[in-house]
C-alpha atoms as a PDB file:
ATOM      1  CA  MET A   1      95.309 -48.761 -37.487  1.00  0.00           C
ATOM      2  CA  THR A   2      95.689 -45.417 -35.459  1.00  0.00           C
ATOM      3  CA  SER A   3      94.253 -43.399 -38.416  1.00  0.00           C
ATOM      4  CA  LEU A   4      91.191 -45.722 -38.733  1.00  0.00           C
ATOM      5  CA  ALA A   5      90.618 -45.705 -34.970  1.00  0.00           C
ATOM      6  CA  THR A   6      90.808 -41.981 -34.928  1.00  0.00           C
ATOM      7  CA  THR A   7      88.307 -41.709 -37.634  1.00  0.00           C
ATOM      8  CA  LEU A   8      85.901 -44.004 -35.721  1.00  0.00           C
ATOM      9  CA  GLN A   9      86.341 -41.783 -32.706  1.00  0.00           C
ATOM     10  CA  VAL A  10      85.396 -38.689 -34.716  1.00  0.00           C
ATOM     11  CA  ILE A  11      82.298 -40.248 -36.248  1.00  0.00           C
ATOM     12  CA  GLN A  12      81.190 -41.488 -32.767  1.00  0.00           C
ATOM     13  CA  SER A  13      81.563 -38.146 -31.256  1.00  0.00           C
ATOM     14  CA  ARG A  14      78.830 -37.040 -33.695  1.00  0.00           C
ATOM     15  CA  ASN A  15      76.701 -40.011 -32.506  1.00  0.00           C
ATOM     16  CA  ILE A  16      77.068 -41.761 -35.857  1.00  0.00           C
ATOM     17  CA  VAL A  17      77.865 -45.413 -36.042  1.00  0.00           C
ATOM     18  CA  HIS A  18      79.310 -47.228 -39.121  1.00  0.00           C
ATOM     19  CA  ARG A  19      77.926 -50.709 -38.598  1.00  0.00           C
ATOM     20  CA  ASP A  20      80.137 -52.283 -41.263  1.00  0.00           C
ATOM     21  CA  ILE A  21      83.761 -52.049 -40.161  1.00  0.00           C
ATOM     22  CA  GLN A  22      85.542 -54.549 -42.430  1.00  0.00           C
ATOM     23  CA  PRO A  23      88.880 -54.686 -44.609  1.00  0.00           C
ATOM     24  CA  ASN A  24      86.793 -54.144 -47.741  1.00  0.00           C
ATOM     25  CA  ASN A  25      85.645 -50.758 -46.319  1.00  0.00           C
ATOM     26  CA  VAL A  26      89.124 -49.570 -45.402  1.00  0.00           C
ATOM     27  CA  CYS A  27      91.302 -47.758 -48.157  1.00  0.00           C
ATOM     28  CA  VAL A  28      95.126 -47.320 -47.436  1.00  0.00           C
ATOM     29  CA  LEU A  29      97.077 -44.803 -49.538  1.00  0.00           C
ATOM     30  CA  GLU A  30     100.876 -44.585 -49.143  1.00  0.00           C
ATOM     31  CA  THR A  31     101.992 -40.840 -49.175  1.00  0.00           C
ATOM     32  CA  SER A  32     105.317 -39.116 -48.291  1.00  0.00           C
ATOM     33  CA  GLU A  33     104.149 -38.716 -44.754  1.00  0.00           C
ATOM     34  CA  GLY A  34     103.127 -42.256 -44.096  1.00  0.00           C
ATOM     35  CA  LEU A  35     100.073 -44.454 -44.629  1.00  0.00           C
ATOM     36  CA  GLN A  36      96.853 -42.502 -44.970  1.00  0.00           C
ATOM     37  CA  THR A  37      93.781 -44.501 -43.929  1.00  0.00           C
ATOM     38  CA  THR A  38      90.160 -43.802 -45.322  1.00  0.00           C
ATOM     39  CA  LEU A  39      86.900 -45.328 -43.973  1.00  0.00           C
ATOM     40  CA  ILE A  40      84.491 -45.658 -46.883  1.00  0.00           C
ATOM     41  CA  ASN A  41      80.871 -47.159 -47.359  1.00  0.00           C
ATOM     42  CA  PHE A  42      78.581 -45.549 -44.955  1.00  0.00           C
ATOM     43  CA  GLY A  43      75.553 -47.287 -46.511  1.00  0.00           C
ATOM     44  CA  PHE A  44      74.602 -48.822 -43.140  1.00  0.00           C
ATOM     45  CA  ALA A  45      75.707 -46.033 -40.996  1.00  0.00           C
ATOM     46  CA  ASN A  46      73.046 -44.374 -38.803  1.00  0.00           C
ATOM     47  CA  ASP A  47      72.596 -42.080 -35.906  1.00  0.00           C
ATOM     48  CA  ILE A  48      72.590 -43.925 -32.686  1.00  0.00           C
ATOM     49  CA  LYS A  49      69.584 -42.066 -31.258  1.00  0.00           C
ATOM     50  CA  GLU A  50      67.593 -43.390 -34.321  1.00  0.00           C
ATOM     51  CA  ILE A  51      68.882 -46.715 -33.847  1.00  0.00           C
ATOM     52  CA  LYS A  52      67.636 -46.550 -30.186  1.00  0.00           C
ATOM     53  CA  SER A  53      64.233 -45.237 -31.197  1.00  0.00           C
ATOM     54  CA  VAL A  54      63.592 -47.986 -33.737  1.00  0.00           C
ATOM     55  CA  ALA A  55      64.469 -50.450 -31.095  1.00  0.00           C
ATOM     56  CA  THR A  56      62.073 -48.916 -28.558  1.00  0.00           C
ATOM     57  CA  VAL A  57      59.257 -49.011 -31.152  1.00  0.00           C
ATOM     58  CA  GLN A  58      59.868 -52.623 -32.095  1.00  0.00           C
ATOM     59  CA  ASN A  59      60.275 -53.552 -28.440  1.00  0.00           C
ATOM     60  CA  THR A  60      63.676 -55.017 -28.932  1.00  0.00           C
ATOM     61  CA  VAL A  61      65.556 -52.903 -26.477  1.00  0.00           C
ATOM     62  CA  LYS A  62      65.991 -55.818 -24.184  1.00  0.00           C
ATOM     63  CA  SER A  63      67.672 -57.925 -26.796  1.00  0.00           C
ATOM     64  CA  SER A  64      69.982 -54.907 -28.050  1.00  0.00           C
ATOM     65  CA  LEU A  65      73.322 -53.836 -26.610  1.00  0.00           C
ATOM     66  CA  PRO A  66      73.069 -53.266 -22.697  1.00  0.00           C
ATOM     67  CA  ASP A  67      73.986 -49.600 -23.249  1.00  0.00           C
ATOM     68  CA  MET A  68      70.719 -49.226 -25.204  1.00  0.00           C
ATOM     69  CA  SER A  69      68.611 -49.889 -22.065  1.00  0.00           C
ATOM     70  CA  THR A  70      69.409 -46.443 -20.811  1.00  0.00           C
ATOM     71  CA  THR A  71      67.366 -43.226 -21.698  1.00  0.00           C
ATOM     72  CA  VAL A  72      67.616 -41.939 -25.440  1.00  0.00           C
ATOM     73  CA  MET A  73      69.561 -38.723 -24.169  1.00  0.00           C
ATOM     74  CA  ASN A  74      72.276 -40.812 -22.588  1.00  0.00           C
ATOM     75  CA  VAL A  75      72.933 -42.915 -25.593  1.00  0.00           C
ATOM     76  CA  ASN A  76      75.933 -41.568 -27.911  1.00  0.00           C
ATOM     77  CA  GLY A  77      78.214 -43.170 -30.492  1.00  0.00           C
ATOM     78  CA  THR A  78      80.305 -44.825 -28.073  1.00  0.00           C
ATOM     79  CA  SER A  79      77.257 -46.898 -26.828  1.00  0.00           C
ATOM     80  CA  TYR A  80      77.316 -48.900 -29.994  1.00  0.00           C
ATOM     81  CA  ILE A  81      80.164 -51.294 -29.162  1.00  0.00           C
ATOM     82  CA  VAL A  82      79.746 -53.314 -32.326  1.00  0.00           C
ATOM     83  CA  ASP A  83      81.985 -50.996 -34.296  1.00  0.00           C
ATOM     84  CA  ALA A  84      84.724 -51.455 -31.730  1.00  0.00           C
ATOM     85  CA  LYS A  85      84.044 -55.357 -31.757  1.00  0.00           C
ATOM     86  CA  ASP A  86      84.304 -55.511 -35.598  1.00  0.00           C
ATOM     87  CA  PHE A  87      87.654 -53.378 -35.276  1.00  0.00           C
ATOM     88  CA  ALA A  88      88.970 -55.910 -32.713  1.00  0.00           C
ATOM     89  CA  TYR A  89      88.070 -58.752 -35.011  1.00  0.00           C
ATOM     90  CA  MET A  90      89.783 -57.229 -37.829  1.00  0.00           C
ATOM     91  CA  CYS A  91      92.996 -56.848 -35.708  1.00  0.00           C
ATOM     92  CA  GLU A  92      92.888 -60.425 -34.703  1.00  0.00           C
ATOM     93  CA  THR A  93      92.330 -61.622 -38.332  1.00  0.00           C
ATOM     94  CA  LEU A  94      95.155 -59.344 -39.644  1.00  0.00           C
ATOM     95  CA  ALA A  95      97.544 -60.728 -37.054  1.00  0.00           C
ATOM     96  CA  ARG A  96      96.681 -64.452 -37.909  1.00  0.00           C
ATOM     97  CA  CYS A  97      96.870 -63.804 -41.667  1.00  0.00           C
ATOM     98  CA  CYS A  98     100.338 -61.900 -41.461  1.00  0.00           C
ATOM     99  CA  SER A  99     101.664 -64.052 -38.627  1.00  0.00           C
ATOM    100  CA  LEU A 100     102.039 -60.962 -36.447  1.00  0.00           C
ATOM    101  CA  ARG A 101     102.356 -60.883 -32.516  1.00  0.00           C
ATOM    102  CA  LEU A 102      99.923 -58.206 -31.002  1.00  0.00           C
ATOM    103  CA  PRO A 103     101.081 -56.086 -28.248  1.00  0.00           C
ATOM    104  CA  GLU A 104     100.003 -56.888 -24.786  1.00  0.00           C
ATOM    105  CA  LYS A 105      97.946 -53.748 -24.285  1.00  0.00           C
ATOM    106  CA  LEU A 106      96.003 -54.265 -27.578  1.00  0.00           C
ATOM    107  CA  LYS A 107      95.209 -57.960 -26.361  1.00  0.00           C
ATOM    108  CA  ILE A 108      93.688 -56.426 -23.234  1.00  0.00           C
ATOM    109  CA  TRP A 109      91.712 -53.891 -25.093  1.00  0.00           C
ATOM    110  CA  ILE A 110      90.296 -56.830 -27.340  1.00  0.00           C
ATOM    111  CA  GLU A 111      89.358 -58.793 -24.484  1.00  0.00           C
ATOM    112  CA  ASN A 112      87.689 -55.851 -22.446  1.00  0.00           C
ATOM    113  CA  VAL A 113      85.738 -54.584 -25.510  1.00  0.00           C
ATOM    114  CA  ARG A 114      83.750 -57.796 -25.493  1.00  0.00           C
ATOM    115  CA  ALA A 115      82.942 -57.600 -21.797  1.00  0.00           C
ATOM    116  CA  LEU A 116      79.069 -58.278 -21.077  1.00  0.00           C
ATOM    117  CA  ASN A 117      79.088 -55.411 -18.493  1.00  0.00           C
ATOM    118  CA  PRO A 118      79.219 -52.040 -20.379  1.00  0.00           C
ATOM    119  CA  GLU A 119      81.146 -50.475 -17.393  1.00  0.00           C
ATOM    120  CA  GLU A 120      84.012 -52.925 -17.963  1.00  0.00           C
ATOM    121  CA  ARG A 121      84.268 -52.287 -21.732  1.00  0.00           C
ATOM    122  CA  MET A 122      86.980 -50.232 -23.462  1.00  0.00           C
ATOM    123  CA  GLY A 123      85.757 -48.387 -26.577  1.00  0.00           C
ATOM    124  CA  ILE A 124      87.374 -46.577 -29.381  1.00  0.00           C
ATOM    125  CA  SER A 125      88.665 -43.687 -27.390  1.00  0.00           C
ATOM    126  CA  GLU A 126      90.872 -46.191 -25.033  1.00  0.00           C
ATOM    127  CA  LEU A 127      92.020 -47.958 -28.290  1.00  0.00           C
ATOM    128  CA  VAL A 128      93.225 -44.611 -29.891  1.00  0.00           C
ATOM    129  CA  ASN A 129      95.168 -43.861 -26.594  1.00  0.00           C
ATOM    130  CA  ILE A 130      96.736 -47.444 -26.665  1.00  0.00           C
ATOM    131  CA  LEU A 131      97.621 -47.225 -30.401  1.00  0.00           C
ATOM    132  CA  GLU A 132      99.197 -43.518 -29.993  1.00  0.00           C
ATOM    133  CA  LYS A 133     101.381 -44.807 -27.163  1.00  0.00           C
ATOM    134  CA  LEU A 134     102.520 -47.838 -29.066  1.00  0.00           C
ATOM    135  CA  GLN A 135     103.386 -45.577 -32.093  1.00  0.00           C
ATOM    136  CA  GLU A 136     105.462 -43.212 -29.921  1.00  0.00           C
ATOM    137  CA  LYS A 137     107.783 -46.254 -29.021  1.00  0.00           C
ATOM    138  CA  GLU A 138     108.341 -47.120 -32.732  1.00  0.00           C
ATOM    139  CA  PRO A 139     111.254 -45.653 -34.441  1.00  0.00           C
ATOM    140  CA  SER A 140     110.240 -42.652 -36.581  1.00  0.00           C
ATOM    141  CA  PRO A 141     111.509 -42.713 -40.372  1.00  0.00           C
ATOM    142  CA  SER A 142     114.398 -40.730 -41.404  1.00  0.00           C
ATOM    143  CA  PRO A 143     113.668 -36.936 -42.141  1.00  0.00           C
ATOM    144  CA  ALA A 144     115.685 -37.465 -45.376  1.00  0.00           C
ATOM    145  CA  ILE A 145     113.208 -40.133 -46.478  1.00  0.00           C
ATOM    146  CA  LEU A 146     110.139 -38.193 -45.452  1.00  0.00           C
ATOM    147  CA  HIS A 147     111.358 -35.158 -47.627  1.00  0.00           C
ATOM    148  CA  GLY A 148     112.269 -37.341 -50.617  1.00  0.00           C
ATOM    149  CA  GLU A 149     116.043 -36.643 -50.262  1.00  0.00           C
ATOM    150  CA  VAL A 150     116.559 -40.323 -50.551  1.00  0.00           C
ATOM    151  CA  ASP A 151     115.827 -42.332 -53.831  1.00  0.00           C
ATOM    152  CA  LEU A 152     113.973 -45.521 -52.444  1.00  0.00           C
ATOM    153  CA  THR A 153     113.697 -46.650 -55.967  1.00  0.00           C
ATOM    154  CA  TYR A 154     117.673 -47.057 -56.479  1.00  0.00           C
ATOM    155  CA  GLN A 155     118.687 -50.689 -56.658  1.00  0.00           C
ATOM    156  CA  PRO A 156     122.400 -51.459 -57.218  1.00  0.00           C
ATOM    157  CA  THR A 157     123.164 -53.841 -60.282  1.00  0.00           C
ATOM    158  CA  ILE A 158     124.581 -57.048 -59.151  1.00  0.00           C
ATOM    159  CA  LYS A 159     126.698 -58.641 -61.841  1.00  0.00           C
ATOM    160  CA  SER A 160     126.709 -62.542 -62.010  1.00  0.00           C
ATOM    161  CA  PRO A 161     130.191 -64.390 -61.284  1.00  0.00           C
ATOM    162  CA  SER A 162     130.317 -65.161 -65.193  1.00  0.00           C
ATOM    163  CA  CYS A 163     130.006 -61.403 -65.922  1.00  0.00           C
ATOM    164  CA  GLN A 164     132.620 -60.532 -63.566  1.00  0.00           C
ATOM    165  CA  ARG A 165     135.213 -62.980 -65.072  1.00  0.00           C
ATOM    166  CA  GLU A 166     134.473 -61.517 -68.488  1.00  0.00           C
ATOM    167  CA  ASN A 167     135.083 -58.206 -67.222  1.00  0.00           C
ATOM    168  CA  ILE A 168     138.307 -59.132 -65.489  1.00  0.00           C
ATOM    169  CA  HIS A 169     139.592 -60.639 -68.697  1.00  0.00           C
ATOM    170  CA  GLN A 170     138.665 -57.621 -70.661  1.00  0.00           C
ATOM    171  CA  ASP A 171     139.957 -54.986 -68.193  1.00  0.00           C
ATOM    172  CA  SER A 172     143.295 -56.707 -67.657  1.00  0.00           C
ATOM    173  CA  PRO A 173     145.592 -56.424 -70.571  1.00  0.00           C
ATOM    174  CA  LYS A 174     148.475 -57.913 -68.662  1.00  0.00           C
ATOM    175  CA  LYS A 175     146.696 -61.048 -68.048  1.00  0.00           C
ATOM    176  CA  ASP A 176     145.678 -61.159 -71.666  1.00  0.00           C
ATOM    177  CA  GLY A 177     149.318 -60.841 -72.687  1.00  0.00           C
ATOM    178  CA  LYS A 178     150.315 -63.597 -70.519  1.00  0.00           C
ATOM    179  CA  ARG A 179     147.576 -65.758 -71.646  1.00  0.00           C
ATOM    180  CA  LYS A 180     148.825 -65.061 -75.233  1.00  0.00           C
ATOM    181  CA  ARG A 181     152.278 -65.877 -74.467  1.00  0.00           C
ATOM    182  CA  GLU A 182     151.380 -69.181 -72.962  1.00  0.00           C
ATOM    183  CA  ASP A 183     149.208 -70.109 -76.067  1.00  0.00           C
ATOM    184  CA  GLU A 184     152.369 -69.151 -78.324  1.00  0.00           C
ATOM    185  CA  SER A 185     154.648 -71.323 -76.102  1.00  0.00           C
ATOM    186  CA  GLU A 186     152.134 -74.350 -76.340  1.00  0.00           C
ATOM    187  CA  ASN A 187     152.017 -73.846 -80.309  1.00  0.00           C
ATOM    188  CA  THR A 188     155.832 -73.799 -80.224  1.00  0.00           C
ATOM    189  CA  MET A 189     156.059 -76.892 -78.165  1.00  0.00           C
ATOM    190  CA  THR A 190     153.611 -78.698 -80.530  1.00  0.00           C
ATOM    191  CA  ILE A 191     155.486 -77.812 -83.607  1.00  0.00           C
ATOM    192  CA  LYS A 192     158.711 -78.956 -81.945  1.00  0.00           C
ATOM    193  CA  SER A 193     157.218 -82.308 -81.124  1.00  0.00           C
ATOM    194  CA  LYS A 194     155.829 -82.808 -84.600  1.00  0.00           C
ATOM    195  CA  LYS A 195     159.222 -81.891 -86.163  1.00  0.00           C
ATOM    196  CA  ARG A 196     160.974 -84.385 -83.793  1.00  0.00           C
ATOM    197  CA  ARG A 197     158.652 -87.187 -84.832  1.00  0.00           C
ATOM    198  CA  ASP A 198     159.176 -86.332 -88.434  1.00  0.00           C
ATOM    199  CA  ASP A 199     162.938 -86.684 -88.015  1.00  0.00           C
ATOM    200  CA  ASP A 200     162.535 -89.827 -86.083  1.00  0.00           C
ATOM    201  CA  ASP A 201     160.455 -91.368 -88.975  1.00  0.00           C
ATOM    202  CA  ASN A 202     162.973 -90.307 -91.790  1.00  0.00           C
ATOM    203  CA  GLU A 203     165.817 -91.845 -89.834  1.00  0.00           C
ATOM    204  CA  GLY A 204     163.869 -95.091 -89.547  1.00  0.00           C
ATOM    205  CA  ASP A 205     163.050 -95.192 -93.223  1.00  0.00           C
ATOM    206  CA  GLN A 206     166.814 -94.426 -94.057  1.00  0.00           C
ATOM    207  CA  LYS A 207     168.156 -97.216 -91.724  1.00  0.00           C
ATOM    208  CA  ASN A 208     165.514 -99.733 -93.429  1.00  0.00           C
ATOM    209  CA  GLU A 209     167.026 -98.872 -96.948  1.00  0.00           C
ATOM    210  CA  ASN A 210     170.587 -99.424 -95.738  1.00  0.00           C
ATOM    211  CA  GLU A 211     169.839-102.828 -94.411  1.00  0.00           C
ATOM    212  CA  THR A 212     168.088-103.796 -97.674  1.00  0.00           C
END
């Protein structure tokens, strides 16, 4: 936002107005130094004095912005408050879409930029000052991150509990030996039980033969 507001401030200082401030005309590029904002599509852009001259010829000055009623020489880029109003609308829309809470000073600027009295309005220059002060309060990124010393793409591998159990069994020979001994003990008990049942059956058959 600060970069975009600064761009508007520069073109207004040259008496140029964009006249089509909207999200589709704002490009954001992520760089190592932060987000870089570029304002594009100057198809509707014009010199503010040309706009005033056209309004004078068409006799539409009274229906134009209050600032336009002054002489042509006194009109500059900041007189065209529509760019600032579009910027304010874009801030409000972004806040609603992303469930963001706008800072109080930014809310005040949005209210004042729409004032009917030109003397009460706050333009892009005031917006730049507000955004710069708000940016100073935000914590700056780590120098190590800015200089690429920290690998932001690294993601630790998190193994599932089943994989962890398998690794424990594989990496623990003591537990494997213990489990093997338990299995052998169970097999031995099973063989003994079977042998005991066979002996009982033989004794029963022999007893029946004697009785006969």
